[in-house]
Protein backbone atom coordinates (compact mmCIF):
# COMPACT_ATOMS: atom_id res chain seq x y z
CA MET A 1 88.34 75.96 74.36
CA ILE A 2 89.95 73.42 72.02
CA LEU A 3 92.64 70.91 72.91
CA PHE A 4 94.29 69.99 69.61
CA SER A 5 96.59 66.97 69.85
CA PHE A 6 97.05 63.96 67.60
CA ASP A 7 98.71 62.23 70.57
CA TYR A 8 95.79 61.59 72.92
CA PRO A 9 94.21 58.62 74.75
CA PRO A 10 93.91 55.75 74.19
CA ASN A 11 97.57 56.38 73.28
CA ASP A 12 99.76 55.96 76.35
CA GLY A 13 102.79 58.18 75.72
CA GLY A 14 103.78 61.15 77.86
CA ILE A 15 102.12 63.73 75.60
CA ALA A 16 98.90 61.68 75.46
CA ARG A 17 98.83 61.41 79.25
CA LEU A 18 99.33 65.12 79.71
CA CYS A 19 96.70 66.06 77.13
CA GLY A 20 94.21 63.61 78.61
CA GLU A 21 94.64 65.09 82.08
CA ILE A 22 94.30 68.67 80.79
CA ALA A 23 91.14 67.84 78.81
CA GLN A 24 89.52 66.00 81.69
CA ARG A 25 90.26 68.72 84.22
CA LEU A 26 89.26 71.65 82.02
CA SER A 27 86.01 70.08 80.85
CA PRO A 28 83.88 70.29 84.03
CA GLY A 29 82.29 73.70 84.37
CA GLY A 30 83.39 74.89 80.95
CA GLU A 31 83.13 74.02 77.29
CA MET A 32 86.03 71.89 76.06
CA THR A 33 86.38 69.97 72.79
CA VAL A 34 89.28 67.71 71.85
CA LEU A 35 90.45 67.72 68.24
CA THR A 36 92.45 64.55 67.61
CA GLN A 37 92.83 61.60 65.25
CA GLU A 38 91.16 58.22 65.12
CA GLN A 39 93.10 55.78 67.28
CA HIS A 40 92.63 52.16 68.14
CA GLY A 41 94.03 50.32 71.10
CA SER A 42 93.48 49.37 74.70
CA GLY A 43 95.87 51.77 76.37
CA ARG A 44 94.85 54.67 78.55
CA ALA A 45 91.15 55.28 79.23
CA VAL A 46 89.66 58.02 77.06
CA PRO A 47 88.37 61.02 79.09
CA ASP A 48 84.66 61.74 78.91
CA VAL A 49 85.14 64.97 76.94
CA PRO A 50 83.50 65.98 73.63
CA GLU A 51 85.72 64.97 70.70
CA ALA A 52 86.17 65.57 67.01
CA ARG A 53 88.13 62.62 65.60
CA LEU A 54 90.00 62.97 62.30
CA PRO A 55 91.39 60.42 59.82
CA ALA A 56 94.77 59.17 61.03
CA ARG A 57 96.45 58.95 57.65
CA ARG A 58 98.91 61.71 56.81
CA PRO A 59 98.71 64.29 55.30
CA TRP A 60 94.90 64.04 55.31
CA ARG A 61 94.68 64.40 59.09
CA GLU A 62 96.55 67.75 58.92
CA VAL A 63 94.33 68.97 56.08
CA ALA A 64 91.19 67.87 57.94
CA ALA A 65 92.40 69.51 61.15
CA TRP A 66 93.17 72.77 59.33
CA TRP A 67 89.69 72.78 57.81
CA GLN A 68 88.01 72.10 61.17
CA LEU A 69 89.97 74.92 62.79
CA VAL A 70 89.16 77.36 59.98
CA ARG A 71 85.50 76.43 59.79
CA ARG A 72 84.57 75.89 63.45
CA TYR A 73 87.29 76.75 65.94
CA ARG A 74 89.31 79.63 64.53
CA HIS A 75 88.13 82.09 67.17
CA GLU A 76 88.38 79.67 70.08
CA THR A 77 91.30 79.38 72.49
CA VAL A 78 93.38 76.48 71.13
CA ILE A 79 95.87 74.46 73.19
CA ALA A 80 98.22 72.60 70.84
CA GLY A 81 99.75 69.40 72.22
CA ILE A 82 103.08 70.06 70.49
CA TRP A 83 104.47 72.75 68.18
CA TYR A 84 104.58 70.49 65.09
CA PRO A 85 102.37 69.60 63.41
CA GLU A 86 99.53 70.76 65.66
CA GLY A 87 100.89 74.19 66.51
CA LEU A 88 101.87 74.91 62.92
CA VAL A 89 98.45 73.82 61.61
CA ALA A 90 96.77 76.13 64.13
CA VAL A 91 98.94 79.07 63.04
CA LEU A 92 98.18 78.37 59.37
CA ALA A 93 94.47 78.24 60.23
CA GLY A 94 94.69 81.74 61.65
CA CYS A 95 94.12 80.80 65.31
CA ARG A 96 95.19 83.83 67.35
CA SER A 97 94.38 82.61 70.86
CA LEU A 98 96.96 79.84 70.86
CA ALA A 99 98.91 78.06 73.61
CA VAL A 100 101.51 75.41 72.79
CA LEU A 101 102.81 72.65 75.07
CA ALA A 102 106.58 72.05 74.98
CA HIS A 103 108.16 68.75 76.03
CA GLY A 104 111.88 68.77 75.24
CA SER A 105 113.42 66.75 72.42
CA GLU A 106 111.03 68.11 69.75
CA LEU A 107 112.76 71.48 70.17
CA LEU A 108 116.24 70.18 69.34
CA PRO A 109 117.67 70.50 65.80
CA THR A 110 116.58 67.77 63.40
CA ARG A 111 119.03 65.03 62.52
CA GLN A 112 118.67 65.84 58.80
CA ARG A 113 120.99 68.80 58.29
CA TRP A 114 119.23 69.86 55.09
CA ARG A 115 116.02 70.46 57.06
CA ARG A 116 117.50 72.41 59.96
CA ALA A 117 117.22 75.96 58.62
CA LEU A 118 113.57 75.55 57.57
CA TRP A 119 112.76 73.67 60.79
CA ALA A 120 114.24 76.46 62.92
CA ARG A 121 112.21 79.11 61.07
CA LEU A 122 108.98 77.17 61.47
CA GLN A 123 109.67 76.64 65.18
CA ARG A 124 110.33 80.32 65.69
CA LEU A 125 107.15 81.22 63.79
CA VAL A 126 104.89 78.95 65.83
CA LEU A 127 106.45 79.61 69.25
CA THR A 128 106.44 83.37 68.68
CA ARG A 129 102.87 83.49 67.32
CA ALA A 130 101.58 81.55 70.31
CA ARG A 131 100.40 83.77 73.14
CA LEU A 132 101.83 81.25 75.59
CA VAL A 133 104.21 78.28 75.52
CA ILE A 134 103.92 75.97 78.54
CA ALA A 135 107.11 73.96 79.11
CA ASN A 136 107.36 70.85 81.28
CA SER A 137 110.61 71.93 83.00
CA SER A 138 113.08 74.77 83.32
CA TYR A 139 115.34 72.97 80.84
CA THR A 140 112.57 72.82 78.23
CA ALA A 141 111.70 76.48 78.87
CA ASP A 142 115.33 77.38 78.11
CA LEU A 143 115.10 75.42 74.85
CA VAL A 144 111.98 77.39 73.88
CA ALA A 145 113.72 80.69 74.66
CA THR A 146 116.70 79.63 72.52
CA CYS A 147 114.48 78.63 69.58
CA ALA A 148 112.24 81.71 69.82
CA PRO A 149 113.68 84.52 71.98
CA ARG A 150 110.47 86.58 71.67
CA SER A 151 108.19 83.76 72.82
CA GLN A 152 106.18 83.95 76.04
CA VAL A 153 107.16 80.79 77.91
CA ARG A 154 106.22 79.48 81.34
CA ALA A 155 107.77 76.41 82.99
CA ILE A 156 105.25 74.24 84.85
CA PRO A 157 106.74 70.90 85.98
CA LEU A 158 104.57 67.86 85.29
CA ALA A 159 102.40 66.17 87.89
CA VAL A 160 101.22 62.70 88.85
CA ASP A 161 97.93 61.08 89.83
CA HIS A 162 98.83 60.64 93.50
CA HIS A 163 95.61 58.70 94.16
CA ARG A 164 96.60 55.93 91.74
CA PHE A 165 100.35 56.11 92.29
CA ARG A 166 100.55 55.76 96.05
CA PRO A 167 102.25 53.56 98.65
CA GLY A 168 100.72 50.15 99.17
CA ASP A 169 101.38 46.58 100.23
CA ARG A 170 105.00 46.01 99.20
CA ALA A 171 104.94 42.30 100.03
CA ALA A 172 101.88 41.75 97.82
CA ALA A 173 103.43 43.79 95.02
CA ARG A 174 106.61 41.73 95.18
CA ALA A 175 104.66 38.50 95.10
CA ARG A 176 102.88 39.73 91.97
CA PHE A 177 106.24 40.03 90.23
CA GLY A 178 107.55 36.72 91.53
CA LEU A 179 109.93 38.25 94.09
CA HIS A 180 109.86 35.81 96.99
CA ASP A 181 113.18 36.54 98.74
CA PRO A 182 112.37 38.89 101.65
CA ASP A 183 116.04 39.92 101.91
CA ALA A 184 116.38 40.97 98.28
CA ARG A 185 116.99 44.63 97.47
CA VAL A 186 114.89 45.38 94.39
CA ILE A 187 115.71 48.17 91.95
CA CYS A 188 113.81 48.95 88.79
CA SER A 189 113.85 51.05 85.63
CA VAL A 190 110.81 51.94 83.51
CA SER A 191 111.40 53.39 80.05
CA ARG A 192 111.73 52.60 76.40
CA LEU A 193 114.88 50.56 75.91
CA ASP A 194 117.05 53.04 74.01
CA GLY A 195 120.78 53.44 74.45
CA TYR A 196 120.53 56.95 75.84
CA LYS A 197 118.33 55.80 78.73
CA GLY A 198 121.48 54.57 80.47
CA HIS A 199 120.52 51.04 81.52
CA SER A 200 124.09 49.96 80.71
CA THR A 201 125.41 52.32 83.40
CA VAL A 202 123.29 50.51 85.98
CA LEU A 203 124.41 47.09 84.71
CA ARG A 204 128.08 48.07 84.98
CA ALA A 205 127.54 49.51 88.44
CA LEU A 206 125.85 46.30 89.54
CA ALA A 207 128.71 44.22 88.13
CA SER A 208 131.27 46.32 90.03
CA LEU A 209 129.78 45.52 93.45
CA PRO A 210 131.42 42.92 95.72
CA PRO A 211 129.79 39.51 95.22
CA GLY A 212 128.07 39.59 98.61
CA ALA A 213 126.33 42.87 97.83
CA ARG A 214 125.63 42.07 94.17
CA GLU A 215 123.83 38.85 95.08
CA ARG A 216 121.42 40.79 97.29
CA ILE A 217 120.13 42.91 94.40
CA VAL A 218 117.48 42.15 91.78
CA TYR A 219 117.24 44.57 88.87
CA LEU A 220 113.86 44.75 87.10
CA ILE A 221 113.93 46.39 83.66
CA ALA A 222 110.50 47.30 82.29
CA GLY A 223 110.08 48.39 78.68
CA LYS A 224 110.67 47.45 75.08
CA GLY A 225 112.90 48.99 72.46
CA PRO A 226 115.85 48.60 70.09
CA ALA A 227 118.45 48.28 72.86
CA ALA A 228 116.83 45.21 74.45
CA ALA A 229 119.00 42.55 72.81
CA GLY A 230 122.20 44.48 73.49
CA LEU A 231 121.30 44.96 77.15
CA GLU A 232 120.58 41.25 77.61
CA ARG A 233 123.89 40.45 75.99
CA ALA A 234 125.69 42.99 78.19
CA ALA A 235 124.14 41.53 81.35
CA GLY A 236 125.53 38.13 80.37
CA GLU A 237 128.98 39.45 79.52
CA LEU A 238 129.16 41.38 82.81
CA GLY A 239 128.16 38.30 84.80
CA VAL A 240 124.95 39.77 86.23
CA ALA A 241 122.34 38.04 84.06
CA ASP A 242 121.08 36.12 87.11
CA ARG A 243 120.46 39.43 88.92
CA VAL A 244 118.53 41.08 86.07
CA ARG A 245 114.97 40.42 84.87
CA PHE A 246 113.72 41.90 81.61
CA LEU A 247 109.97 42.37 82.05
CA GLY A 248 109.19 43.73 78.58
CA PHE A 249 106.16 45.99 78.30
CA VAL A 250 104.41 46.58 81.63
CA ALA A 251 100.84 47.82 81.36
CA GLU A 252 100.09 51.16 82.96
CA ASP A 253 97.68 49.55 85.44
CA ASP A 254 100.58 47.42 86.72
CA LEU A 255 103.10 50.24 87.11
CA PRO A 256 102.10 51.25 90.66
CA ASP A 257 102.78 47.72 91.91
CA LEU A 258 106.13 47.65 90.09
CA TYR A 259 107.19 50.82 91.89
CA ARG A 260 105.85 49.50 95.21
CA ALA A 261 107.77 46.25 94.76
CA SER A 262 111.03 48.19 94.41
CA ASP A 263 113.36 49.65 97.02
CA LEU A 264 114.82 52.06 94.47
CA PHE A 265 113.97 53.41 91.01
CA VAL A 266 116.95 54.27 88.83
CA LEU A 267 117.21 55.73 85.32
CA CYS A 268 120.58 57.12 84.22
CA THR A 269 119.53 59.01 81.09
CA ARG A 270 122.26 60.45 78.89
CA GLU A 271 121.88 63.72 77.02
CA SER A 272 122.84 64.02 73.35
CA GLU A 273 121.36 67.05 71.64
CA ALA A 274 122.98 66.03 68.35
CA ASN A 275 120.87 62.86 68.33
CA ARG A 276 117.77 64.53 69.82
CA GLU A 277 118.14 62.37 72.90
CA VAL A 278 117.14 64.05 76.15
CA GLU A 279 114.69 63.68 79.03
CA GLY A 280 112.50 66.78 79.00
CA PHE A 281 111.22 66.02 82.51
CA GLY A 282 110.97 62.34 83.44
CA LEU A 283 107.47 61.59 84.72
CA VAL A 284 108.54 58.09 85.82
CA PHE A 285 110.59 59.64 88.62
CA LEU A 286 107.48 61.36 89.96
CA GLU A 287 105.41 58.18 89.64
CA ALA A 288 107.95 56.20 91.68
CA GLN A 289 108.18 58.90 94.37
CA ALA A 290 104.40 59.02 94.61
CA CYS A 291 104.51 55.29 95.46
CA GLY A 292 107.02 55.96 98.24
CA THR A 293 110.00 54.65 96.28
CA PRO A 294 113.17 56.79 96.19
CA VAL A 295 114.80 57.52 92.85
CA VAL A 296 118.17 58.05 91.20
CA GLY A 297 118.49 60.17 88.06
CA THR A 298 121.11 62.12 86.17
CA ARG A 299 121.70 65.86 86.02
CA THR A 300 120.57 65.98 82.40
CA GLY A 301 117.67 67.66 80.63
CA GLY A 302 114.70 68.38 82.88
CA ILE A 303 115.34 65.56 85.36
CA PRO A 304 116.51 67.95 88.14
CA ASP A 305 113.00 69.44 88.15
CA ALA A 306 111.64 65.95 88.89
CA ILE A 307 114.15 65.20 91.67
CA PRO A 308 114.75 68.13 94.03
CA GLU A 309 117.90 67.35 96.02
CA GLY A 310 117.10 65.56 99.27
CA GLU A 311 113.37 65.23 98.55
CA GLY A 312 112.84 61.72 97.33
CA GLY A 313 116.07 60.82 95.59
CA TRP A 314 119.56 61.51 94.36
CA LEU A 315 121.01 63.22 91.29
CA ILE A 316 124.26 61.98 89.78
CA ASP A 317 126.40 63.02 86.83
CA GLN A 318 125.87 61.41 83.45
CA ASP A 319 127.62 58.01 83.08
CA ASP A 320 128.81 58.08 86.72
CA ARG A 321 128.92 54.35 87.28
CA ALA A 322 130.81 54.74 90.57
CA ALA A 323 128.07 56.95 92.00
CA VAL A 324 125.42 54.38 91.09
CA ALA A 325 127.51 51.59 92.62
CA GLY A 326 127.89 53.61 95.81
CA ILE A 327 124.14 54.13 96.08
CA LEU A 328 123.46 50.44 95.45
CA GLY A 329 125.99 49.50 98.13
CA ASN A 330 124.26 51.83 100.57
CA LEU A 331 120.91 50.26 99.70
CA VAL A 332 122.22 46.84 100.66
CA GLY A 333 123.68 48.14 103.92
CA ASP A 334 121.01 50.59 105.07
CA PRO A 335 117.58 49.98 103.48
CA ALA A 336 115.85 52.01 106.23
CA ALA A 337 117.50 55.20 104.93
CA PHE A 338 116.04 54.52 101.49
CA ALA A 339 112.58 53.93 102.93
CA ALA A 340 112.85 57.30 104.68
CA MET A 341 113.90 58.98 101.42
CA GLY A 342 110.93 57.35 99.70
CA ALA A 343 108.58 58.76 102.35
CA ALA A 344 110.10 62.22 101.79
CA GLY A 345 109.42 61.85 98.07
CA ARG A 346 105.79 60.97 98.69
CA ALA A 347 105.41 63.98 100.98
CA ARG A 348 106.92 66.24 98.32
CA VAL A 349 104.49 64.92 95.69
CA GLU A 350 101.53 65.59 97.99
CA ARG A 351 102.86 69.07 98.71
CA SER A 352 103.57 70.24 95.16
CA GLY A 353 103.40 67.48 92.53
CA THR A 354 99.72 66.58 92.10
CA TRP A 355 97.52 67.37 89.11
CA ASP A 356 95.63 69.86 91.25
CA HIS A 357 98.86 71.79 91.74
CA TYR A 358 99.67 71.56 88.03
CA MET A 359 96.27 72.77 86.88
CA GLU A 360 96.28 75.67 89.33
CA GLN A 361 99.50 76.93 87.73
CA PHE A 362 98.24 76.04 84.24
CA MET A 363 95.05 78.08 84.58
CA ALA A 364 96.94 81.00 86.12
CA ALA A 365 99.30 80.97 83.12
CA LEU A 366 96.40 80.94 80.62
CA THR A 367 94.68 83.80 82.42
CA GLY A 368 97.89 85.80 82.58
CA ALA A 369 98.34 85.37 78.81
CA GLY A 370 94.78 86.56 78.15
CA LEU A 371 93.58 83.13 77.00
CA GLU A 372 89.97 82.69 78.02
CA ARG A 373 88.50 79.37 79.09
């Protein structure tokens, strides 16, 4: 079996994480080879799985991958990390036992109108030729079905390493992030700082609180991105700069403590298909819940699959600043209710959101599609 993904550890994005977990869990007891590109960095640990690394420069990596597939792996079961370019290269190489992972925004129309017709045809070709498309949420599965009505798609919500992301010493975690006020109510967001991630909705909600409640809250924003300067400026203009801390990039090893230090995780993602802006699932919600921290997310994209109502968090409408403000006010007044919701989220993760649960469904889907290990 071949896992073919250019996005793979030590890269630390969502696709790389997923592919790393799949490779590591399929390798024991069976032959697994990863076909990927040369990568340098100190991000996620690389799984101990046989690899074939290709030159990273385009288009040579695609040509080299096509040649490897034709020469060595054409008759193997191939799992492509994404439909383009990996899935397309596998189809062009004549791989017939093909599964493709689907994530969300890559299935939306391209921003360049002149490319859309060709892009749609290529998507339909790859997704239809694949014996199986595994989507990360019901929303993403619907996108696949829209792009390629004849495709065989299965929605399997993502999972989390519940051994690493788990409840711990909240006081120690807070001290690590310089949070020394025991009465503070800490909220956090973890994401790339893009406009569609909705940090401004949280800032406006925070600013709308009565002074007594607002001064009890500390908002930690983890991540880097093009919206950073605008968000810092907005915090100042709204009069909440003293309640907001921009942490910049937070290493993956430090994320569990960031979630543990927080009373609430909030990410108010907006959906804009025209700009290819959508949350296909939202793994950060699951990570926070696994640490016993309740979450707030929007009813957009695949987020509802990550936050079942009443099991670890709350869903709100897009741009609903009043709903966020109401939740923050409740956090100040009744923190015990939020701790109970966080415990419910952890229980839900243990019940159905671990990698063991994911791989059980993953292997059943491969077997059902006639894809041999």
